[in-house]
C-alpha atoms as a PDB file:
ATOM      1  CA  MET A   1     -36.411  -8.403 -27.643  1.00  0.00           C
ATOM      2  CA  ASN A   2     -37.866  -4.918 -27.098  1.00  0.00           C
ATOM      3  CA  ALA A   3     -36.096  -3.945 -23.901  1.00  0.00           C
ATOM      4  CA  VAL A   4     -32.661  -2.416 -24.180  1.00  0.00           C
ATOM      5  CA  THR A   5     -30.199  -4.083 -21.812  1.00  0.00           C
ATOM      6  CA  GLU A   6     -27.471  -1.877 -20.384  1.00  0.00           C
ATOM      7  CA  LYS A   7     -24.107  -3.562 -20.863  1.00  0.00           C
ATOM      8  CA  LYS A   8     -21.088  -3.095 -18.646  1.00  0.00           C
ATOM      9  CA  PRO A   9     -17.934  -1.939 -20.470  1.00  0.00           C
ATOM     10  CA  ARG A  10     -15.876  -4.890 -21.640  1.00  0.00           C
ATOM     11  CA  LEU A  11     -12.720  -5.167 -19.554  1.00  0.00           C
ATOM     12  CA  THR A  12      -9.451  -5.414 -21.464  1.00  0.00           C
ATOM     13  CA  THR A  13      -6.147  -7.054 -20.596  1.00  0.00           C
ATOM     14  CA  SER A  14      -5.003  -3.813 -18.953  1.00  0.00           C
ATOM     15  CA  ALA A  15      -7.600  -4.440 -16.232  1.00  0.00           C
ATOM     16  CA  MET A  16      -5.372  -7.273 -14.987  1.00  0.00           C
ATOM     17  CA  ILE A  17      -2.921  -4.668 -13.718  1.00  0.00           C
ATOM     18  CA  ALA A  18      -5.377  -1.842 -13.074  1.00  0.00           C
ATOM     19  CA  SER A  19      -4.876   0.667 -10.311  1.00  0.00           C
ATOM     20  CA  ILE A  20      -6.734  -0.089  -7.080  1.00  0.00           C
ATOM     21  CA  ALA A  21      -7.878   3.541  -7.050  1.00  0.00           C
ATOM     22  CA  SER A  22     -11.569   4.134  -7.621  1.00  0.00           C
ATOM     23  CA  GLU A  23     -12.639   6.219 -10.600  1.00  0.00           C
ATOM     24  CA  GLY A  24     -12.004   9.880  -9.874  1.00  0.00           C
ATOM     25  CA  GLN A  25     -10.046   9.155  -6.703  1.00  0.00           C
ATOM     26  CA  ARG A  26      -7.008  11.280  -5.877  1.00  0.00           C
ATOM     27  CA  VAL A  27      -3.681   9.557  -6.509  1.00  0.00           C
ATOM     28  CA  THR A  28       0.019  10.246  -6.111  1.00  0.00           C
ATOM     29  CA  ALA A  29       2.450   8.984  -8.731  1.00  0.00           C
ATOM     30  CA  ALA A  30       5.354   6.831  -7.511  1.00  0.00           C
ATOM     31  CA  PRO A  31       5.335   7.840  -3.825  1.00  0.00           C
ATOM     32  CA  PHE A  32       7.963   5.230  -2.928  1.00  0.00           C
ATOM     33  CA  GLY A  33      10.434   6.399  -5.575  1.00  0.00           C
ATOM     34  CA  LYS A  34       9.996  10.032  -4.552  1.00  0.00           C
ATOM     35  CA  ALA A  35      10.378   9.187  -0.866  1.00  0.00           C
ATOM     36  CA  MET A  36      13.595   7.302  -1.631  1.00  0.00           C
ATOM     37  CA  VAL A  37      15.030  10.285  -3.509  1.00  0.00           C
ATOM     38  CA  ASP A  38      14.185  12.605  -0.616  1.00  0.00           C
ATOM     39  CA  LEU A  39      15.588  10.185   1.974  1.00  0.00           C
ATOM     40  CA  ALA A  40      18.889   9.675   0.180  1.00  0.00           C
ATOM     41  CA  ARG A  41      19.548  13.371  -0.304  1.00  0.00           C
ATOM     42  CA  ASN A  42      21.205  13.764   3.107  1.00  0.00           C
ATOM     43  CA  ARG A  43      21.939  10.115   3.843  1.00  0.00           C
ATOM     44  CA  PRO A  44      24.798   8.714   1.747  1.00  0.00           C
ATOM     45  CA  GLU A  45      24.430   5.270   3.344  1.00  0.00           C
ATOM     46  CA  ILE A  46      21.104   4.696   1.555  1.00  0.00           C
ATOM     47  CA  VAL A  47      21.423   2.470  -1.525  1.00  0.00           C
ATOM     48  CA  GLY A  48      18.787   1.124  -3.888  1.00  0.00           C
ATOM     49  CA  MET A  49      18.830  -2.408  -5.290  1.00  0.00           C
ATOM     50  CA  THR A  50      16.477  -4.339  -7.538  1.00  0.00           C
ATOM     51  CA  ALA A  51      16.120  -7.525  -9.544  1.00  0.00           C
ATOM     52  CA  ASP A  52      15.352  -6.165 -13.016  1.00  0.00           C
ATOM     53  CA  LEU A  53      12.242  -4.329 -11.791  1.00  0.00           C
ATOM     54  CA  ALA A  54      13.319  -0.734 -11.077  1.00  0.00           C
ATOM     55  CA  LYS A  55      10.622   0.718 -13.332  1.00  0.00           C
ATOM     56  CA  TYR A  56       7.930  -1.519 -11.866  1.00  0.00           C
ATOM     57  CA  THR A  57       8.768  -0.747  -8.232  1.00  0.00           C
ATOM     58  CA  ASP A  58       9.268   2.998  -8.857  1.00  0.00           C
ATOM     59  CA  LEU A  59      12.944   2.696  -7.904  1.00  0.00           C
ATOM     60  CA  HIS A  60      13.903   4.076 -11.310  1.00  0.00           C
ATOM     61  CA  LEU A  61      13.467   7.567  -9.844  1.00  0.00           C
ATOM     62  CA  PHE A  62      16.186   6.796  -7.309  1.00  0.00           C
ATOM     63  CA  ALA A  63      18.384   5.244 -10.001  1.00  0.00           C
ATOM     64  CA  ARG A  64      18.112   8.370 -12.138  1.00  0.00           C
ATOM     65  CA  GLU A  65      18.983  10.677  -9.233  1.00  0.00           C
ATOM     66  CA  TYR A  66      21.723   8.553  -7.626  1.00  0.00           C
ATOM     67  CA  PRO A  67      23.133   6.205 -10.287  1.00  0.00           C
ATOM     68  CA  GLU A  68      26.280   5.525  -8.246  1.00  0.00           C
ATOM     69  CA  ARG A  69      24.126   4.196  -5.400  1.00  0.00           C
ATOM     70  CA  PHE A  70      21.830   2.057  -7.532  1.00  0.00           C
ATOM     71  CA  PHE A  71      22.519  -1.648  -8.137  1.00  0.00           C
ATOM     72  CA  GLN A  72      20.735  -3.680 -10.797  1.00  0.00           C
ATOM     73  CA  MET A  73      21.115  -7.367  -9.884  1.00  0.00           C
ATOM     74  CA  GLY A  74      19.234  -8.834 -12.842  1.00  0.00           C
ATOM     75  CA  MET A  75      16.632 -11.608 -12.626  1.00  0.00           C
ATOM     76  CA  ALA A  76      18.232 -13.120  -9.545  1.00  0.00           C
ATOM     77  CA  GLU A  77      16.213 -12.469  -6.409  1.00  0.00           C
ATOM     78  CA  GLN A  78      18.312 -14.767  -4.215  1.00  0.00           C
ATOM     79  CA  LEU A  79      21.423 -12.844  -5.269  1.00  0.00           C
ATOM     80  CA  LEU A  80      19.572  -9.577  -4.597  1.00  0.00           C
ATOM     81  CA  MET A  81      18.874 -10.540  -0.973  1.00  0.00           C
ATOM     82  CA  ALA A  82      22.335 -11.967  -0.373  1.00  0.00           C
ATOM     83  CA  ALA A  83      24.010  -8.880  -1.834  1.00  0.00           C
ATOM     84  CA  ALA A  84      21.752  -6.608   0.218  1.00  0.00           C
ATOM     85  CA  GLY A  85      22.929  -8.462   3.309  1.00  0.00           C
ATOM     86  CA  GLY A  86      26.526  -7.858   2.278  1.00  0.00           C
ATOM     87  CA  MET A  87      25.838  -4.171   1.756  1.00  0.00           C
ATOM     88  CA  ALA A  88      24.334  -3.942   5.235  1.00  0.00           C
ATOM     89  CA  LYS A  89      27.418  -5.569   6.735  1.00  0.00           C
ATOM     90  CA  GLU A  90      29.501  -2.797   5.174  1.00  0.00           C
ATOM     91  CA  GLY A  91      27.415  -0.096   6.832  1.00  0.00           C
ATOM     92  CA  PHE A  92      24.983   0.741   4.043  1.00  0.00           C
ATOM     93  CA  ILE A  93      21.197   0.687   4.377  1.00  0.00           C
ATOM     94  CA  PRO A  94      19.990  -1.156   1.275  1.00  0.00           C
ATOM     95  CA  PHE A  95      16.406  -0.908   0.044  1.00  0.00           C
ATOM     96  CA  ALA A  96      15.870  -4.049  -2.062  1.00  0.00           C
ATOM     97  CA  THR A  97      12.879  -4.108  -4.425  1.00  0.00           C
ATOM     98  CA  THR A  98      11.149  -6.755  -6.506  1.00  0.00           C
ATOM     99  CA  TYR A  99       7.711  -8.320  -6.800  1.00  0.00           C
ATOM    100  CA  ALA A 100       6.369  -9.867  -3.611  1.00  0.00           C
ATOM    101  CA  VAL A 101       6.100 -13.368  -5.076  1.00  0.00           C
ATOM    102  CA  PHE A 102       9.776 -13.326  -6.048  1.00  0.00           C
ATOM    103  CA  GLY A 103      11.013 -11.636  -2.902  1.00  0.00           C
ATOM    104  CA  THR A 104       9.175 -13.839  -0.411  1.00  0.00           C
ATOM    105  CA  ARG A 105       8.717 -17.186  -2.161  1.00  0.00           C
ATOM    106  CA  ARG A 106      11.785 -17.476  -4.343  1.00  0.00           C
ATOM    107  CA  ALA A 107      14.237 -15.774  -1.977  1.00  0.00           C
ATOM    108  CA  TYR A 108      12.773 -16.858   1.370  1.00  0.00           C
ATOM    109  CA  ASP A 109      15.777 -18.863   2.564  1.00  0.00           C
ATOM    110  CA  PHE A 110      18.192 -16.033   1.728  1.00  0.00           C
ATOM    111  CA  ILE A 111      16.062 -13.550   3.678  1.00  0.00           C
ATOM    112  CA  HIS A 112      15.831 -16.004   6.564  1.00  0.00           C
ATOM    113  CA  GLN A 113      19.494 -17.050   6.726  1.00  0.00           C
ATOM    114  CA  VAL A 114      21.510 -14.159   5.290  1.00  0.00           C
ATOM    115  CA  ILE A 115      19.471 -11.164   6.483  1.00  0.00           C
ATOM    116  CA  ALA A 116      17.211 -12.042   9.412  1.00  0.00           C
ATOM    117  CA  GLU A 117      19.395 -14.478  11.356  1.00  0.00           C
ATOM    118  CA  GLU A 118      22.096 -11.809  11.603  1.00  0.00           C
ATOM    119  CA  ASN A 119      19.550  -9.003  12.127  1.00  0.00           C
ATOM    120  CA  LEU A 120      20.975  -7.046   9.206  1.00  0.00           C
ATOM    121  CA  ASN A 121      19.714  -3.587   8.342  1.00  0.00           C
ATOM    122  CA  VAL A 122      18.018  -4.489   5.048  1.00  0.00           C
ATOM    123  CA  LYS A 123      14.719  -2.982   3.889  1.00  0.00           C
ATOM    124  CA  ILE A 124      12.776  -5.274   1.544  1.00  0.00           C
ATOM    125  CA  CYS A 125      10.078  -3.490  -0.485  1.00  0.00           C
ATOM    126  CA  CYS A 126       7.893  -5.740  -2.619  1.00  0.00           C
ATOM    127  CA  ALA A 127       5.284  -4.715  -5.173  1.00  0.00           C
ATOM    128  CA  LEU A 128       2.115  -6.568  -6.225  1.00  0.00           C
ATOM    129  CA  PRO A 129       1.180  -7.866  -2.765  1.00  0.00           C
ATOM    130  CA  GLY A 130      -1.928 -10.011  -2.356  1.00  0.00           C
ATOM    131  CA  LEU A 131      -4.491  -9.608  -5.121  1.00  0.00           C
ATOM    132  CA  THR A 132      -3.150  -6.501  -6.863  1.00  0.00           C
ATOM    133  CA  THR A 133      -2.522  -8.206 -10.201  1.00  0.00           C
ATOM    134  CA  GLY A 134      -4.720 -10.433 -12.310  1.00  0.00           C
ATOM    135  CA  TYR A 135      -1.892 -12.587 -13.666  1.00  0.00           C
ATOM    136  CA  GLY A 136      -2.719 -15.642 -11.601  1.00  0.00           C
ATOM    137  CA  PRO A 137      -0.897 -17.466  -8.773  1.00  0.00           C
ATOM    138  CA  SER A 138       2.567 -16.964 -10.299  1.00  0.00           C
ATOM    139  CA  HIS A 139       2.252 -13.216  -9.587  1.00  0.00           C
ATOM    140  CA  GLN A 140      -0.312 -13.044  -6.769  1.00  0.00           C
ATOM    141  CA  ALA A 141       1.510 -12.901  -3.419  1.00  0.00           C
ATOM    142  CA  THR A 142      -1.426 -14.005  -1.295  1.00  0.00           C
ATOM    143  CA  GLU A 143       0.802 -15.607   1.359  1.00  0.00           C
ATOM    144  CA  ASP A 144       3.667 -13.116   1.710  1.00  0.00           C
ATOM    145  CA  LEU A 145       2.635 -11.900   5.170  1.00  0.00           C
ATOM    146  CA  ALA A 146       2.398 -15.464   6.483  1.00  0.00           C
ATOM    147  CA  LEU A 147       5.927 -16.165   5.247  1.00  0.00           C
ATOM    148  CA  MET A 148       7.460 -12.966   6.592  1.00  0.00           C
ATOM    149  CA  ARG A 149       5.588 -13.153   9.936  1.00  0.00           C
ATOM    150  CA  SER A 150       7.249 -16.502  10.576  1.00  0.00           C
ATOM    151  CA  ILE A 151      10.753 -14.987  10.474  1.00  0.00           C
ATOM    152  CA  PRO A 152      12.027 -13.907  13.911  1.00  0.00           C
ATOM    153  CA  GLY A 153      12.834 -10.210  14.199  1.00  0.00           C
ATOM    154  CA  MET A 154      11.209  -9.219  10.904  1.00  0.00           C
ATOM    155  CA  THR A 155       9.258  -5.951  11.018  1.00  0.00           C
ATOM    156  CA  ILE A 156       6.339  -5.918   8.559  1.00  0.00           C
ATOM    157  CA  ILE A 157       4.512  -2.906   7.088  1.00  0.00           C
ATOM    158  CA  ASP A 158       1.357  -2.977   4.940  1.00  0.00           C
ATOM    159  CA  PRO A 159       0.648   0.661   3.953  1.00  0.00           C
ATOM    160  CA  CYS A 160      -2.767   1.873   2.881  1.00  0.00           C
ATOM    161  CA  ASP A 161      -1.958   4.723   0.530  1.00  0.00           C
ATOM    162  CA  ALA A 162       0.620   7.172  -0.790  1.00  0.00           C
ATOM    163  CA  LEU A 163       0.778   9.071   2.496  1.00  0.00           C
ATOM    164  CA  ASP A 164       1.511   5.864   4.398  1.00  0.00           C
ATOM    165  CA  VAL A 165       4.324   4.992   1.977  1.00  0.00           C
ATOM    166  CA  GLU A 166       5.909   8.456   2.022  1.00  0.00           C
ATOM    167  CA  GLN A 167       5.976   8.568   5.805  1.00  0.00           C
ATOM    168  CA  ALA A 168       6.986   4.930   6.286  1.00  0.00           C
ATOM    169  CA  VAL A 169      10.180   5.077   4.181  1.00  0.00           C
ATOM    170  CA  PRO A 170      12.260   7.327   6.495  1.00  0.00           C
ATOM    171  CA  GLN A 171      11.020   5.463   9.579  1.00  0.00           C
ATOM    172  CA  MET A 172      12.081   2.187   7.990  1.00  0.00           C
ATOM    173  CA  ALA A 173      15.542   3.611   7.455  1.00  0.00           C
ATOM    174  CA  ASP A 174      15.738   4.717  11.095  1.00  0.00           C
ATOM    175  CA  HIS A 175      14.572   1.352  12.426  1.00  0.00           C
ATOM    176  CA  PRO A 176      17.474  -1.047  13.104  1.00  0.00           C
ATOM    177  CA  GLY A 177      17.116  -4.517  11.599  1.00  0.00           C
ATOM    178  CA  PRO A 178      15.244  -6.089   8.693  1.00  0.00           C
ATOM    179  CA  VAL A 179      11.950  -4.652   7.465  1.00  0.00           C
ATOM    180  CA  TYR A 180       9.506  -6.032   4.898  1.00  0.00           C
ATOM    181  CA  MET A 181       7.088  -3.555   3.313  1.00  0.00           C
ATOM    182  CA  ARG A 182       4.301  -4.341   0.882  1.00  0.00           C
ATOM    183  CA  LEU A 183       4.756  -1.783  -1.854  1.00  0.00           C
ATOM    184  CA  PRO A 184       1.939   0.085  -3.619  1.00  0.00           C
ATOM    185  CA  ARG A 185       3.429   1.374  -6.860  1.00  0.00           C
ATOM    186  CA  GLY A 186       2.460   3.541  -9.821  1.00  0.00           C
ATOM    187  CA  ASN A 187      -0.535   5.809  -9.266  1.00  0.00           C
ATOM    188  CA  VAL A 188      -1.239   5.140  -5.605  1.00  0.00           C
ATOM    189  CA  PRO A 189      -4.493   6.309  -3.956  1.00  0.00           C
ATOM    190  CA  LEU A 190      -4.321   9.188  -1.486  1.00  0.00           C
ATOM    191  CA  VAL A 191      -6.853   8.664   1.294  1.00  0.00           C
ATOM    192  CA  LEU A 192      -5.548   9.123   4.823  1.00  0.00           C
ATOM    193  CA  ASP A 193      -4.608  12.801   4.560  1.00  0.00           C
ATOM    194  CA  GLU A 194      -8.309  13.586   5.024  1.00  0.00           C
ATOM    195  CA  TYR A 195      -8.234  12.035   8.505  1.00  0.00           C
ATOM    196  CA  ASP A 196      -5.335  13.932  10.107  1.00  0.00           C
ATOM    197  CA  TYR A 197      -3.329  10.698   9.949  1.00  0.00           C
ATOM    198  CA  LYS A 198       0.383  10.196  10.537  1.00  0.00           C
ATOM    199  CA  PHE A 199       2.228   6.917  10.113  1.00  0.00           C
ATOM    200  CA  GLU A 200       4.017   5.660  13.205  1.00  0.00           C
ATOM    201  CA  LEU A 201       5.958   2.423  12.992  1.00  0.00           C
ATOM    202  CA  GLY A 202       4.370  -0.156  15.280  1.00  0.00           C
ATOM    203  CA  LYS A 203       1.179   1.844  15.864  1.00  0.00           C
ATOM    204  CA  ALA A 204      -2.419   1.242  14.783  1.00  0.00           C
ATOM    205  CA  LYS A 205      -4.670   4.265  14.285  1.00  0.00           C
ATOM    206  CA  LEU A 206      -8.433   4.604  14.680  1.00  0.00           C
ATOM    207  CA  ILE A 207      -9.351   6.370  11.449  1.00  0.00           C
ATOM    208  CA  ARG A 208     -13.106   6.407  12.043  1.00  0.00           C
ATOM    209  CA  ASP A 209     -15.237   5.544  15.069  1.00  0.00           C
ATOM    210  CA  GLY A 210     -18.527   3.628  15.034  1.00  0.00           C
ATOM    211  CA  LYS A 211     -20.894   1.689  17.284  1.00  0.00           C
ATOM    212  CA  SER A 212     -22.064  -1.255  15.130  1.00  0.00           C
ATOM    213  CA  VAL A 213     -18.935  -2.781  13.606  1.00  0.00           C
ATOM    214  CA  LEU A 214     -15.189  -2.532  14.192  1.00  0.00           C
ATOM    215  CA  VAL A 215     -13.166  -3.229  11.050  1.00  0.00           C
ATOM    216  CA  ILE A 216      -9.485  -3.894  11.729  1.00  0.00           C
ATOM    217  CA  SER A 217      -7.685  -3.518   8.409  1.00  0.00           C
ATOM    218  CA  SER A 218      -4.348  -3.082   6.677  1.00  0.00           C
ATOM    219  CA  GLY A 219      -3.127  -2.100   3.238  1.00  0.00           C
ATOM    220  CA  PHE A 220      -5.633  -0.896   0.658  1.00  0.00           C
ATOM    221  CA  MET A 221      -8.341  -2.740   2.596  1.00  0.00           C
ATOM    222  CA  THR A 222      -8.375   0.246   4.948  1.00  0.00           C
ATOM    223  CA  MET A 223      -9.342   2.391   1.970  1.00  0.00           C
ATOM    224  CA  ARG A 224     -12.047  -0.124   1.080  1.00  0.00           C
ATOM    225  CA  SER A 225     -13.222  -0.276   4.705  1.00  0.00           C
ATOM    226  CA  LEU A 226     -13.664   3.491   4.775  1.00  0.00           C
ATOM    227  CA  GLU A 227     -15.702   3.242   1.571  1.00  0.00           C
ATOM    228  CA  VAL A 228     -17.798   0.482   3.160  1.00  0.00           C
ATOM    229  CA  ALA A 229     -18.361   2.643   6.241  1.00  0.00           C
ATOM    230  CA  GLU A 230     -19.700   5.475   4.084  1.00  0.00           C
ATOM    231  CA  ARG A 231     -21.929   3.089   2.140  1.00  0.00           C
ATOM    232  CA  LEU A 232     -23.393   1.374   5.214  1.00  0.00           C
ATOM    233  CA  GLN A 233     -24.012   4.649   7.050  1.00  0.00           C
ATOM    234  CA  SER A 234     -27.149   5.179   4.966  1.00  0.00           C
ATOM    235  CA  ASP A 235     -28.427   1.785   6.174  1.00  0.00           C
ATOM    236  CA  GLY A 236     -27.973   2.760   9.800  1.00  0.00           C
ATOM    237  CA  VAL A 237     -24.815   0.680  10.249  1.00  0.00           C
ATOM    238  CA  ASP A 238     -22.118   2.601  12.118  1.00  0.00           C
ATOM    239  CA  VAL A 239     -18.670   1.291  11.156  1.00  0.00           C
ATOM    240  CA  ALA A 240     -15.383   2.015  12.944  1.00  0.00           C
ATOM    241  CA  VAL A 241     -12.100   1.511  11.058  1.00  0.00           C
ATOM    242  CA  LEU A 242      -8.857   0.712  12.861  1.00  0.00           C
ATOM    243  CA  HIS A 243      -5.922   0.899  10.435  1.00  0.00           C
ATOM    244  CA  VAL A 244      -3.038  -1.463  11.278  1.00  0.00           C
ATOM    245  CA  PRO A 245      -0.130  -0.528   8.966  1.00  0.00           C
ATOM    246  CA  THR A 246       2.423  -2.462  11.046  1.00  0.00           C
ATOM    247  CA  ILE A 247       1.608  -6.168  10.976  1.00  0.00           C
ATOM    248  CA  LYS A 248       4.637  -7.108  13.071  1.00  0.00           C
ATOM    249  CA  PRO A 249       5.136  -6.075  15.801  1.00  0.00           C
ATOM    250  CA  LEU A 250       1.387  -5.806  16.278  1.00  0.00           C
ATOM    251  CA  ASP A 251      -0.021  -2.866  18.228  1.00  0.00           C
ATOM    252  CA  GLU A 252      -1.726  -5.150  20.723  1.00  0.00           C
ATOM    253  CA  ALA A 253      -2.781  -2.392  23.117  1.00  0.00           C
ATOM    254  CA  SER A 254      -4.742  -0.437  20.493  1.00  0.00           C
ATOM    255  CA  ILE A 255      -6.395  -3.541  19.060  1.00  0.00           C
ATOM    256  CA  LEU A 256      -7.434  -4.838  22.471  1.00  0.00           C
ATOM    257  CA  ALA A 257      -8.733  -1.433  23.575  1.00  0.00           C
ATOM    258  CA  GLU A 258     -11.048  -1.257  20.555  1.00  0.00           C
ATOM    259  CA  ALA A 259     -12.044  -4.941  20.591  1.00  0.00           C
ATOM    260  CA  ARG A 260     -13.049  -4.730  24.271  1.00  0.00           C
ATOM    261  CA  ARG A 261     -15.724  -2.132  23.527  1.00  0.00           C
ATOM    262  CA  MET A 262     -18.900  -4.172  23.841  1.00  0.00           C
ATOM    263  CA  GLY A 263     -21.672  -4.622  21.322  1.00  0.00           C
ATOM    264  CA  ARG A 264     -19.681  -4.465  18.084  1.00  0.00           C
ATOM    265  CA  LEU A 265     -19.003  -7.107  15.469  1.00  0.00           C
ATOM    266  CA  VAL A 266     -15.204  -7.339  14.989  1.00  0.00           C
ATOM    267  CA  VAL A 267     -14.120  -7.867  11.374  1.00  0.00           C
ATOM    268  CA  VAL A 268     -10.526  -8.140  10.119  1.00  0.00           C
ATOM    269  CA  ALA A 269     -10.158  -7.068   6.479  1.00  0.00           C
ATOM    270  CA  GLU A 270      -6.945  -7.845   4.615  1.00  0.00           C
ATOM    271  CA  ASN A 271      -5.605  -8.285   1.105  1.00  0.00           C
ATOM    272  CA  HIS A 272      -4.064 -11.645   1.985  1.00  0.00           C
ATOM    273  CA  SER A 273      -4.994 -15.269   2.473  1.00  0.00           C
ATOM    274  CA  VAL A 274      -7.120 -15.897   5.558  1.00  0.00           C
ATOM    275  CA  ILE A 275      -4.281 -18.257   6.532  1.00  0.00           C
ATOM    276  CA  GLY A 276      -1.377 -16.693   8.424  1.00  0.00           C
ATOM    277  CA  GLY A 277      -2.029 -12.980   8.026  1.00  0.00           C
ATOM    278  CA  LEU A 278      -3.504 -10.138  10.056  1.00  0.00           C
ATOM    279  CA  GLY A 279      -6.768 -11.974  10.691  1.00  0.00           C
ATOM    280  CA  GLU A 280      -5.148 -14.908  12.436  1.00  0.00           C
ATOM    281  CA  ALA A 281      -2.763 -12.581  14.282  1.00  0.00           C
ATOM    282  CA  VAL A 282      -5.701 -10.595  15.696  1.00  0.00           C
ATOM    283  CA  ALA A 283      -7.742 -13.733  16.446  1.00  0.00           C
ATOM    284  CA  GLY A 284      -4.830 -15.221  18.380  1.00  0.00           C
ATOM    285  CA  LEU A 285      -4.348 -11.984  20.310  1.00  0.00           C
ATOM    286  CA  LEU A 286      -8.039 -11.843  21.283  1.00  0.00           C
ATOM    287  CA  MET A 287      -8.048 -15.490  22.381  1.00  0.00           C
ATOM    288  CA  ARG A 288      -4.869 -15.167  24.455  1.00  0.00           C
ATOM    289  CA  SER A 289      -6.199 -12.003  26.087  1.00  0.00           C
ATOM    290  CA  GLY A 290      -9.590 -13.463  26.981  1.00  0.00           C
ATOM    291  CA  VAL A 291     -11.557 -11.074  24.773  1.00  0.00           C
ATOM    292  CA  VAL A 292     -14.822 -12.754  23.756  1.00  0.00           C
ATOM    293  CA  THR A 293     -16.523 -11.084  20.802  1.00  0.00           C
ATOM    294  CA  ALA A 294     -18.258 -11.867  17.527  1.00  0.00           C
ATOM    295  CA  PHE A 295     -15.343 -12.192  15.072  1.00  0.00           C
ATOM    296  CA  ARG A 296     -15.206 -12.523  11.274  1.00  0.00           C
ATOM    297  CA  GLN A 297     -12.548 -12.354   8.546  1.00  0.00           C
ATOM    298  CA  LEU A 298     -12.667 -10.628   5.176  1.00  0.00           C
ATOM    299  CA  GLY A 299      -9.700 -11.936   3.226  1.00  0.00           C
ATOM    300  CA  LEU A 300      -8.666 -14.084   0.299  1.00  0.00           C
ATOM    301  CA  PRO A 301      -9.673 -17.749   0.352  1.00  0.00           C
ATOM    302  CA  ASP A 302      -7.158 -20.546   0.904  1.00  0.00           C
ATOM    303  CA  ILE A 303      -6.969 -21.459  -2.779  1.00  0.00           C
ATOM    304  CA  PHE A 304      -4.911 -20.608  -5.851  1.00  0.00           C
ATOM    305  CA  LEU A 305      -6.748 -17.595  -7.254  1.00  0.00           C
ATOM    306  CA  ASP A 306      -7.907 -17.155 -10.832  1.00  0.00           C
ATOM    307  CA  ALA A 307      -6.371 -14.918 -13.458  1.00  0.00           C
ATOM    308  CA  GLY A 308      -8.501 -12.119 -14.829  1.00  0.00           C
ATOM    309  CA  ALA A 309      -9.476  -8.468 -14.545  1.00  0.00           C
ATOM    310  CA  LEU A 310      -8.825  -7.077 -11.060  1.00  0.00           C
ATOM    311  CA  PRO A 311     -12.313  -5.575 -10.556  1.00  0.00           C
ATOM    312  CA  THR A 312     -13.860  -8.948 -11.406  1.00  0.00           C
ATOM    313  CA  LEU A 313     -11.487 -10.833  -9.102  1.00  0.00           C
ATOM    314  CA  HIS A 314     -12.045  -8.416  -6.206  1.00  0.00           C
ATOM    315  CA  ASP A 315     -15.786  -8.999  -6.519  1.00  0.00           C
ATOM    316  CA  ARG A 316     -15.330 -12.756  -6.857  1.00  0.00           C
ATOM    317  CA  TYR A 317     -13.144 -13.084  -3.780  1.00  0.00           C
ATOM    318  CA  GLY A 318     -15.032 -10.655  -1.585  1.00  0.00           C
ATOM    319  CA  ILE A 319     -12.646  -7.710  -1.234  1.00  0.00           C
ATOM    320  CA  SER A 320     -14.440  -5.116  -3.367  1.00  0.00           C
ATOM    321  CA  THR A 321     -16.388  -2.372  -1.603  1.00  0.00           C
ATOM    322  CA  GLN A 322     -19.705  -3.833  -2.732  1.00  0.00           C
ATOM    323  CA  ALA A 323     -18.832  -7.401  -1.745  1.00  0.00           C
ATOM    324  CA  MET A 324     -17.530  -6.305   1.660  1.00  0.00           C
ATOM    325  CA  SER A 325     -20.661  -4.241   2.328  1.00  0.00           C
ATOM    326  CA  GLN A 326     -22.953  -7.124   1.470  1.00  0.00           C
ATOM    327  CA  GLN A 327     -20.968  -9.564   3.611  1.00  0.00           C
ATOM    328  CA  ILE A 328     -20.960  -7.323   6.680  1.00  0.00           C
ATOM    329  CA  LYS A 329     -24.703  -6.648   6.345  1.00  0.00           C
ATOM    330  CA  GLY A 330     -25.270 -10.390   6.091  1.00  0.00           C
ATOM    331  CA  TRP A 331     -23.299 -11.031   9.258  1.00  0.00           C
ATOM    332  CA  LEU A 332     -25.241  -8.380  11.135  1.00  0.00           C
END
């Protein structure tokens, strides 16, 4: 064989928990932990709780700064949620952290009965949402939004980047009642500061306008959608990106205003199963409101996902920048 074949670098086990940041992208380390430290400085009612995962939810920064207000509950997520409810009844504002699979699947009934039914002021912050780990279905919370959306009175936040997280934390504390936030942790991309963006609880924001396609997105899929928009611009495809950081309550007015603009393909992009998440929420809203438009979903399939390196899995399941670009071009 005379030709020299260029080989891609072999991905190692560390790629199963790789950062979602692109190579060379700006990042902020532990934005949630830093925001918690800042929030608690003048608010003694703020407490931090976790189920043996302080380091892996960035709550260790809070624990180091305010050890008397930090509670380590051990590997007992149901106890974590029940105790957080008790704290709230005593006038504290507990921020309870764990992985999303443990918080939503294992502790669902405790969130439903102990916290939500009594509308307690508990803030649940869960790392590794959707496909942000390669460790298979035991760790991939691809259905967390569907579970939390089904709970009456639950406010749900899916932040895009470090700026979203930093600005969401104090607004969560000010909002009465239970809140569930998907938690980017570690080195979190910094994207939205380039677009004069400010997080507002319950509000969607048009990050970029465009005439060909409207992408309605949440979480890191907004970052990917902006990358797709830049990539497709050279092909003459003009992509608008509407970031929806609050999944519930949904900013219906903003979504309908953008979806009613004629001549655009409407695509919902989310790091979640196509069952029960933002896509179905938007589709239901459009149907109920009589908005007729070409509509597609970019999300995770309704299957148990494989284990493997995150870049490989994102390509396989259609949520990488390249896969999203190809899919949208195909639809057009």
